[in-house]
C-alpha atoms as a PDB file:
ATOM      1  CA  MET A   1     -83.282  30.667  53.968  1.00  0.00           C
ATOM      2  CA  ALA A   2     -83.846  30.097  50.122  1.00  0.00           C
ATOM      3  CA  THR A   3     -80.281  30.879  49.350  1.00  0.00           C
ATOM      4  CA  ALA A   4     -78.738  27.831  50.749  1.00  0.00           C
ATOM      5  CA  PRO A   5     -80.440  25.297  48.724  1.00  0.00           C
ATOM      6  CA  ALA A   6     -79.818  27.311  45.608  1.00  0.00           C
ATOM      7  CA  ALA A   7     -76.032  27.393  46.567  1.00  0.00           C
ATOM      8  CA  SER A   8     -76.089  23.569  47.242  1.00  0.00           C
ATOM      9  CA  PHE A   9     -77.742  23.034  43.848  1.00  0.00           C
ATOM     10  CA  ALA A  10     -75.220  25.260  42.086  1.00  0.00           C
ATOM     11  CA  ASN A  11     -72.408  23.352  43.795  1.00  0.00           C
ATOM     12  CA  SER A  12     -73.828  20.018  42.695  1.00  0.00           C
ATOM     13  CA  LEU A  13     -73.967  21.232  39.157  1.00  0.00           C
ATOM     14  CA  LEU A  14     -70.333  22.329  39.285  1.00  0.00           C
ATOM     15  CA  SER A  15     -69.277  19.034  40.662  1.00  0.00           C
ATOM     16  CA  LEU A  16     -71.139  17.078  37.963  1.00  0.00           C
ATOM     17  CA  ASN A  17     -69.385  19.230  35.285  1.00  0.00           C
ATOM     18  CA  SER A  18     -66.085  18.616  36.782  1.00  0.00           C
ATOM     19  CA  HIS A  19     -66.468  14.887  36.633  1.00  0.00           C
ATOM     20  CA  ARG A  20     -67.863  14.846  33.017  1.00  0.00           C
ATOM     21  CA  PRO A  21     -65.307  13.860  30.389  1.00  0.00           C
ATOM     22  CA  ASN A  22     -64.225  16.554  28.029  1.00  0.00           C
ATOM     23  CA  PRO A  23     -64.434  15.380  24.435  1.00  0.00           C
ATOM     24  CA  ASN A  24     -61.673  17.676  23.300  1.00  0.00           C
ATOM     25  CA  ALA A  25     -59.342  16.529  26.033  1.00  0.00           C
ATOM     26  CA  SER A  26     -60.209  12.900  25.146  1.00  0.00           C
ATOM     27  CA  SER A  27     -59.320  13.415  21.573  1.00  0.00           C
ATOM     28  CA  ILE A  28     -55.924  14.960  22.417  1.00  0.00           C
ATOM     29  CA  SER A  29     -54.764  12.564  25.163  1.00  0.00           C
ATOM     30  CA  LYS A  30     -56.145   9.540  23.655  1.00  0.00           C
ATOM     31  CA  PRO A  31     -53.263   7.523  22.135  1.00  0.00           C
ATOM     32  CA  ASN A  32     -53.204   6.974  18.334  1.00  0.00           C
ATOM     33  CA  THR A  33     -53.818   3.267  17.890  1.00  0.00           C
ATOM     34  CA  LEU A  34     -52.640   3.319  14.187  1.00  0.00           C
ATOM     35  CA  SER A  35     -49.356   5.116  15.066  1.00  0.00           C
ATOM     36  CA  ILE A  36     -48.580   2.589  17.797  1.00  0.00           C
ATOM     37  CA  GLN A  37     -49.143  -0.270  15.411  1.00  0.00           C
ATOM     38  CA  PHE A  38     -46.927   1.270  12.812  1.00  0.00           C
ATOM     39  CA  ASP A  39     -44.052   1.998  15.290  1.00  0.00           C
ATOM     40  CA  LYS A  40     -44.299  -1.598  16.552  1.00  0.00           C
ATOM     41  CA  LYS A  41     -44.150  -2.908  12.924  1.00  0.00           C
ATOM     42  CA  THR A  42     -41.156  -0.562  12.135  1.00  0.00           C
ATOM     43  CA  ASN A  43     -39.308  -1.790  15.214  1.00  0.00           C
ATOM     44  CA  GLN A  44     -39.968  -5.407  14.463  1.00  0.00           C
ATOM     45  CA  GLN A  45     -38.590  -4.871  10.912  1.00  0.00           C
ATOM     46  CA  GLN A  46     -35.434  -3.185  12.275  1.00  0.00           C
ATOM     47  CA  GLN A  47     -34.906  -5.931  14.675  1.00  0.00           C
ATOM     48  CA  GLN A  48     -35.339  -8.566  11.958  1.00  0.00           C
ATOM     49  CA  HIS A  49     -32.927  -6.624   9.622  1.00  0.00           C
ATOM     50  CA  GLN A  50     -30.326  -6.580  12.509  1.00  0.00           C
ATOM     51  CA  ARG A  51     -30.690 -10.173  13.102  1.00  0.00           C
ATOM     52  CA  HIS A  52     -30.380 -10.927   9.474  1.00  0.00           C
ATOM     53  CA  ALA A  53     -27.241  -8.720   9.175  1.00  0.00           C
ATOM     54  CA  ARG A  54     -25.620 -10.477  12.018  1.00  0.00           C
ATOM     55  CA  PHE A  55     -26.465 -13.840  10.588  1.00  0.00           C
ATOM     56  CA  THR A  56     -25.012 -12.860   7.117  1.00  0.00           C
ATOM     57  CA  THR A  57     -21.806 -11.512   8.722  1.00  0.00           C
ATOM     58  CA  PHE A  58     -21.361 -14.843  10.641  1.00  0.00           C
ATOM     59  CA  CYS A  59     -22.034 -16.916   7.550  1.00  0.00           C
ATOM     60  CA  SER A  60     -19.525 -14.912   5.510  1.00  0.00           C
ATOM     61  CA  LEU A  61     -16.884 -15.389   8.102  1.00  0.00           C
ATOM     62  CA  ASP A  62     -17.760 -18.989   8.443  1.00  0.00           C
ATOM     63  CA  ALA A  63     -17.518 -19.540   4.676  1.00  0.00           C
ATOM     64  CA  GLU A  64     -13.961 -18.218   4.254  1.00  0.00           C
ATOM     65  CA  PRO A  65     -11.554 -20.835   2.951  1.00  0.00           C
ATOM     66  CA  LYS A  66      -9.621 -22.624   5.496  1.00  0.00           C
ATOM     67  CA  ASP A  67      -6.304 -22.010   3.633  1.00  0.00           C
ATOM     68  CA  SER A  68      -6.455 -18.204   4.119  1.00  0.00           C
ATOM     69  CA  ILE A  69      -3.307 -16.202   4.176  1.00  0.00           C
ATOM     70  CA  GLU A  70      -2.759 -16.636   7.915  1.00  0.00           C
ATOM     71  CA  ASP A  71      -3.266 -20.318   7.751  1.00  0.00           C
ATOM     72  CA  LYS A  72      -1.012 -20.926   4.881  1.00  0.00           C
ATOM     73  CA  PRO A  73       2.646 -22.027   5.607  1.00  0.00           C
ATOM     74  CA  ILE A  74       5.050 -19.189   5.528  1.00  0.00           C
ATOM     75  CA  GLU A  75       6.820 -20.643   2.350  1.00  0.00           C
ATOM     76  CA  LEU A  76       3.544 -20.313   0.417  1.00  0.00           C
ATOM     77  CA  ARG A  77       2.510 -16.842   1.557  1.00  0.00           C
ATOM     78  CA  TYR A  78       4.738 -14.746  -0.589  1.00  0.00           C
ATOM     79  CA  GLN A  79       5.050 -14.676  -4.379  1.00  0.00           C
ATOM     80  CA  ALA A  80       8.395 -14.355  -6.112  1.00  0.00           C
ATOM     81  CA  PHE A  81       9.340 -11.174  -7.942  1.00  0.00           C
ATOM     82  CA  PRO A  82       8.279 -11.254 -11.587  1.00  0.00           C
ATOM     83  CA  THR A  83      10.748 -11.804 -14.235  1.00  0.00           C
ATOM     84  CA  VAL A  84      10.859  -9.220 -17.096  1.00  0.00           C
ATOM     85  CA  MET A  85      14.481  -9.915 -17.909  1.00  0.00           C
ATOM     86  CA  ASP A  86      16.393 -12.959 -16.634  1.00  0.00           C
ATOM     87  CA  ILE A  87      20.133 -13.178 -16.124  1.00  0.00           C
ATOM     88  CA  ASN A  88      20.755 -14.278 -19.632  1.00  0.00           C
ATOM     89  CA  GLN A  89      18.911 -11.242 -21.082  1.00  0.00           C
ATOM     90  CA  ILE A  90      20.728  -8.927 -18.772  1.00  0.00           C
ATOM     91  CA  ARG A  91      24.103 -10.366 -19.933  1.00  0.00           C
ATOM     92  CA  ASP A  92      23.050  -9.579 -23.473  1.00  0.00           C
ATOM     93  CA  ILE A  93      22.766  -5.884 -22.596  1.00  0.00           C
ATOM     94  CA  LEU A  94      25.426  -5.291 -19.959  1.00  0.00           C
ATOM     95  CA  PRO A  95      29.191  -5.904 -20.551  1.00  0.00           C
ATOM     96  CA  HIS A  96      29.832  -6.854 -16.985  1.00  0.00           C
ATOM     97  CA  ARG A  97      30.797 -10.367 -15.946  1.00  0.00           C
ATOM     98  CA  PHE A  98      31.610 -12.191 -12.622  1.00  0.00           C
ATOM     99  CA  PRO A  99      32.461 -10.968 -10.160  1.00  0.00           C
ATOM    100  CA  PHE A 100      31.228  -7.540 -11.163  1.00  0.00           C
ATOM    101  CA  LEU A 101      27.718  -8.187 -12.548  1.00  0.00           C
ATOM    102  CA  LEU A 102      25.561  -6.994  -9.685  1.00  0.00           C
ATOM    103  CA  VAL A 103      21.996  -7.329 -11.286  1.00  0.00           C
ATOM    104  CA  ASP A 104      20.203 -10.679 -11.030  1.00  0.00           C
ATOM    105  CA  ARG A 105      16.818  -9.954 -12.344  1.00  0.00           C
ATOM    106  CA  VAL A 106      14.865  -7.039 -13.903  1.00  0.00           C
ATOM    107  CA  ILE A 107      11.293  -6.926 -12.437  1.00  0.00           C
ATOM    108  CA  GLU A 108       9.991  -3.820 -14.262  1.00  0.00           C
ATOM    109  CA  TYR A 109      11.208  -2.196 -17.401  1.00  0.00           C
ATOM    110  CA  ASN A 110      10.406   0.829 -19.453  1.00  0.00           C
ATOM    111  CA  PRO A 111      13.032   1.209 -22.166  1.00  0.00           C
ATOM    112  CA  GLY A 112      14.732   4.638 -22.107  1.00  0.00           C
ATOM    113  CA  VAL A 113      12.602   5.719 -18.974  1.00  0.00           C
ATOM    114  CA  SER A 114      13.214   3.586 -16.047  1.00  0.00           C
ATOM    115  CA  ALA A 115      13.997   0.084 -14.694  1.00  0.00           C
ATOM    116  CA  VAL A 116      13.530  -1.828 -11.489  1.00  0.00           C
ATOM    117  CA  ALA A 117      15.914  -4.691 -10.760  1.00  0.00           C
ATOM    118  CA  ILE A 118      16.971  -6.896  -7.851  1.00  0.00           C
ATOM    119  CA  LYS A 119      20.383  -8.023  -6.545  1.00  0.00           C
ATOM    120  CA  ASN A 120      20.217 -11.121  -4.161  1.00  0.00           C
ATOM    121  CA  VAL A 121      22.802 -10.486  -1.613  1.00  0.00           C
ATOM    122  CA  THR A 122      24.257 -13.695  -0.244  1.00  0.00           C
ATOM    123  CA  ILE A 123      27.150 -14.667   1.996  1.00  0.00           C
ATOM    124  CA  ASN A 124      28.875 -16.285  -1.084  1.00  0.00           C
ATOM    125  CA  ASP A 125      29.358 -12.780  -2.581  1.00  0.00           C
ATOM    126  CA  ASN A 126      33.149 -12.400  -2.886  1.00  0.00           C
ATOM    127  CA  PHE A 127      33.369  -9.077  -1.079  1.00  0.00           C
ATOM    128  CA  PHE A 128      32.049 -10.418   2.285  1.00  0.00           C
ATOM    129  CA  PRO A 129      35.144 -12.204   3.476  1.00  0.00           C
ATOM    130  CA  GLY A 130      36.912  -8.846   3.707  1.00  0.00           C
ATOM    131  CA  HIS A 131      33.904  -6.488   4.400  1.00  0.00           C
ATOM    132  CA  PHE A 132      33.666  -7.474   7.194  1.00  0.00           C
ATOM    133  CA  PRO A 133      34.751 -10.898   8.507  1.00  0.00           C
ATOM    134  CA  GLU A 134      32.782 -10.534  11.728  1.00  0.00           C
ATOM    135  CA  ARG A 135      29.989  -8.505  10.302  1.00  0.00           C
ATOM    136  CA  PRO A 136      29.208  -8.997   6.682  1.00  0.00           C
ATOM    137  CA  ILE A 137      27.896  -5.767   5.109  1.00  0.00           C
ATOM    138  CA  MET A 138      27.619  -4.960   1.458  1.00  0.00           C
ATOM    139  CA  PRO A 139      29.958  -2.140   0.590  1.00  0.00           C
ATOM    140  CA  GLY A 140      28.178   1.146  -0.284  1.00  0.00           C
ATOM    141  CA  VAL A 141      30.358   1.611  -3.369  1.00  0.00           C
ATOM    142  CA  LEU A 142      28.976  -1.749  -4.697  1.00  0.00           C
ATOM    143  CA  MET A 143      25.314  -0.672  -3.975  1.00  0.00           C
ATOM    144  CA  VAL A 144      26.087   2.421  -6.130  1.00  0.00           C
ATOM    145  CA  GLU A 145      27.716   0.259  -8.823  1.00  0.00           C
ATOM    146  CA  ALA A 146      24.735  -2.106  -8.856  1.00  0.00           C
ATOM    147  CA  MET A 147      22.352   0.902  -9.306  1.00  0.00           C
ATOM    148  CA  ALA A 148      24.467   2.280 -12.128  1.00  0.00           C
ATOM    149  CA  GLN A 149      24.178  -1.008 -13.840  1.00  0.00           C
ATOM    150  CA  VAL A 150      20.404  -0.811 -13.662  1.00  0.00           C
ATOM    151  CA  GLY A 151      20.756   2.607 -15.092  1.00  0.00           C
ATOM    152  CA  GLY A 152      22.784   1.077 -17.882  1.00  0.00           C
ATOM    153  CA  LEU A 153      19.740  -1.235 -18.677  1.00  0.00           C
ATOM    154  CA  VAL A 154      17.727   1.878 -19.238  1.00  0.00           C
ATOM    155  CA  MET A 155      20.356   3.739 -21.236  1.00  0.00           C
ATOM    156  CA  LEU A 156      21.672   1.014 -23.543  1.00  0.00           C
ATOM    157  CA  GLN A 157      18.760   1.070 -25.839  1.00  0.00           C
ATOM    158  CA  PRO A 158      18.162   2.409 -29.322  1.00  0.00           C
ATOM    159  CA  GLU A 159      15.602   4.941 -28.093  1.00  0.00           C
ATOM    160  CA  VAL A 160      18.353   6.586 -26.033  1.00  0.00           C
ATOM    161  CA  GLY A 161      21.324   6.050 -28.268  1.00  0.00           C
ATOM    162  CA  GLY A 162      23.587   4.124 -25.895  1.00  0.00           C
ATOM    163  CA  SER A 163      25.735   1.252 -26.713  1.00  0.00           C
ATOM    164  CA  ARG A 164      28.039  -1.200 -24.783  1.00  0.00           C
ATOM    165  CA  GLU A 165      31.070   0.288 -26.625  1.00  0.00           C
ATOM    166  CA  ASN A 166      30.556   3.966 -25.467  1.00  0.00           C
ATOM    167  CA  PHE A 167      28.692   3.905 -22.331  1.00  0.00           C
ATOM    168  CA  PHE A 168      30.345   4.954 -18.921  1.00  0.00           C
ATOM    169  CA  PHE A 169      29.471   5.778 -15.356  1.00  0.00           C
ATOM    170  CA  ALA A 170      30.453   9.518 -15.282  1.00  0.00           C
ATOM    171  CA  GLY A 171      29.470  10.740 -11.726  1.00  0.00           C
ATOM    172  CA  ILE A 172      27.377  10.669  -8.513  1.00  0.00           C
ATOM    173  CA  ASP A 173      25.799  13.267  -6.427  1.00  0.00           C
ATOM    174  CA  LYS A 174      23.891  13.533  -3.230  1.00  0.00           C
ATOM    175  CA  VAL A 175      24.367   9.903  -2.452  1.00  0.00           C
ATOM    176  CA  ARG A 176      23.111   8.707   0.999  1.00  0.00           C
ATOM    177  CA  PHE A 177      23.383   5.371   2.723  1.00  0.00           C
ATOM    178  CA  ARG A 178      20.273   4.976   5.065  1.00  0.00           C
ATOM    179  CA  LYS A 179      20.772   1.364   6.332  1.00  0.00           C
ATOM    180  CA  PRO A 180      23.314  -1.373   6.073  1.00  0.00           C
ATOM    181  CA  VAL A 181      22.619  -4.223   3.589  1.00  0.00           C
ATOM    182  CA  ILE A 182      23.602  -7.598   4.851  1.00  0.00           C
ATOM    183  CA  ALA A 183      23.710 -11.195   3.560  1.00  0.00           C
ATOM    184  CA  GLY A 184      20.292 -12.577   2.999  1.00  0.00           C
ATOM    185  CA  ASP A 185      18.824  -9.202   1.869  1.00  0.00           C
ATOM    186  CA  THR A 186      17.199  -8.589  -1.530  1.00  0.00           C
ATOM    187  CA  LEU A 187      18.351  -5.244  -2.856  1.00  0.00           C
ATOM    188  CA  VAL A 188      15.538  -3.705  -4.999  1.00  0.00           C
ATOM    189  CA  MET A 189      16.812  -0.903  -7.121  1.00  0.00           C
ATOM    190  CA  ARG A 190      14.806   1.715  -9.228  1.00  0.00           C
ATOM    191  CA  MET A 191      16.621   4.006 -11.701  1.00  0.00           C
ATOM    192  CA  THR A 192      14.804   6.644 -13.464  1.00  0.00           C
ATOM    193  CA  LEU A 193      15.968   8.877 -16.431  1.00  0.00           C
ATOM    194  CA  VAL A 194      15.582  12.558 -15.404  1.00  0.00           C
ATOM    195  CA  LYS A 195      17.341  14.431 -18.263  1.00  0.00           C
ATOM    196  CA  LEU A 196      19.026  13.390 -21.444  1.00  0.00           C
ATOM    197  CA  GLN A 197      21.303  15.649 -23.529  1.00  0.00           C
ATOM    198  CA  LYS A 198      21.966  13.729 -26.559  1.00  0.00           C
ATOM    199  CA  ARG A 199      24.154  16.487 -28.091  1.00  0.00           C
ATOM    200  CA  PHE A 200      26.658  16.197 -25.116  1.00  0.00           C
ATOM    201  CA  GLY A 201      26.062  12.608 -24.575  1.00  0.00           C
ATOM    202  CA  ILE A 202      25.107  13.146 -20.941  1.00  0.00           C
ATOM    203  CA  ALA A 203      22.234  11.620 -19.028  1.00  0.00           C
ATOM    204  CA  LYS A 204      21.090  12.350 -15.467  1.00  0.00           C
ATOM    205  CA  MET A 205      19.357   9.662 -13.462  1.00  0.00           C
ATOM    206  CA  GLU A 206      17.759   9.322 -10.067  1.00  0.00           C
ATOM    207  CA  GLY A 207      18.055   6.082  -8.164  1.00  0.00           C
ATOM    208  CA  LYS A 208      16.859   4.545  -4.997  1.00  0.00           C
ATOM    209  CA  ALA A 209      17.637   1.049  -3.448  1.00  0.00           C
ATOM    210  CA  TYR A 210      15.196  -0.661  -0.988  1.00  0.00           C
ATOM    211  CA  VAL A 211      15.295  -3.599   1.408  1.00  0.00           C
ATOM    212  CA  GLY A 212      12.000  -4.687   2.661  1.00  0.00           C
ATOM    213  CA  GLY A 213      10.343  -1.519   1.327  1.00  0.00           C
ATOM    214  CA  GLU A 214      12.717   0.757   3.208  1.00  0.00           C
ATOM    215  CA  VAL A 215      15.276   3.028   1.510  1.00  0.00           C
ATOM    216  CA  VAL A 216      18.805   1.972   2.087  1.00  0.00           C
ATOM    217  CA  CYS A 217      20.639   4.007  -0.547  1.00  0.00           C
ATOM    218  CA  GLU A 218      19.675   6.994  -2.869  1.00  0.00           C
ATOM    219  CA  GLY A 219      21.453   9.366  -5.074  1.00  0.00           C
ATOM    220  CA  GLU A 220      21.750  11.101  -8.494  1.00  0.00           C
ATOM    221  CA  PHE A 221      23.849   9.561 -11.242  1.00  0.00           C
ATOM    222  CA  LEU A 222      25.439  10.935 -14.388  1.00  0.00           C
ATOM    223  CA  MET A 223      25.942   8.604 -17.329  1.00  0.00           C
ATOM    224  CA  ALA A 224      28.018   9.353 -20.391  1.00  0.00           C
ATOM    225  CA  THR A 225      27.152   7.994 -23.790  1.00  0.00           C
ATOM    226  CA  GLY A 226      29.966   9.486 -25.723  1.00  0.00           C
ATOM    227  CA  SER A 227      33.618   8.220 -26.441  1.00  0.00           C
END
């Protein structure tokens, strides 16, 4: 009979112990107030930074000048080619004259090494009435001739030894015509000296012609500087 009260007392103690808070468990599960405050502060700083970045971007876009490239009239958007040699300086070097002077302006020049020049192709060029009346296209042989004249600007220099009296177009090789050149185009030609044999008076050059940044003609050229 004494066992029952003892068992009941033991059960009461176990029940009390089960409801008593565990200090170790409290220290583990209890949230860290300092960590939460730090995380909140960090998140607030990030949000402020993002808002500031968005505001800065908006201000920079809003501050762009009204006459940006897209807003400019088309006639004011594009700059002209630079002038390193004008037509009068070209005439002082090349012996060609109308209607066979096919270089209008030099835009880059490295004497004895390379030159870049332009030919403005217009409907008033004397070859268009016959090539062709219904579809004016610049003859390929004249593109080659224009490029050879740019090569002459490179070669007719004291550094190379060429002169107007003994300079000739000697040959072409690997010439390809990629696209037709029509009235209204600007032919941009680059000629580069590849090899010079002064003993034999022979120079090898590489040439490319462009319209709108696309190659329309290219080839290898031989120039003779002897008699």
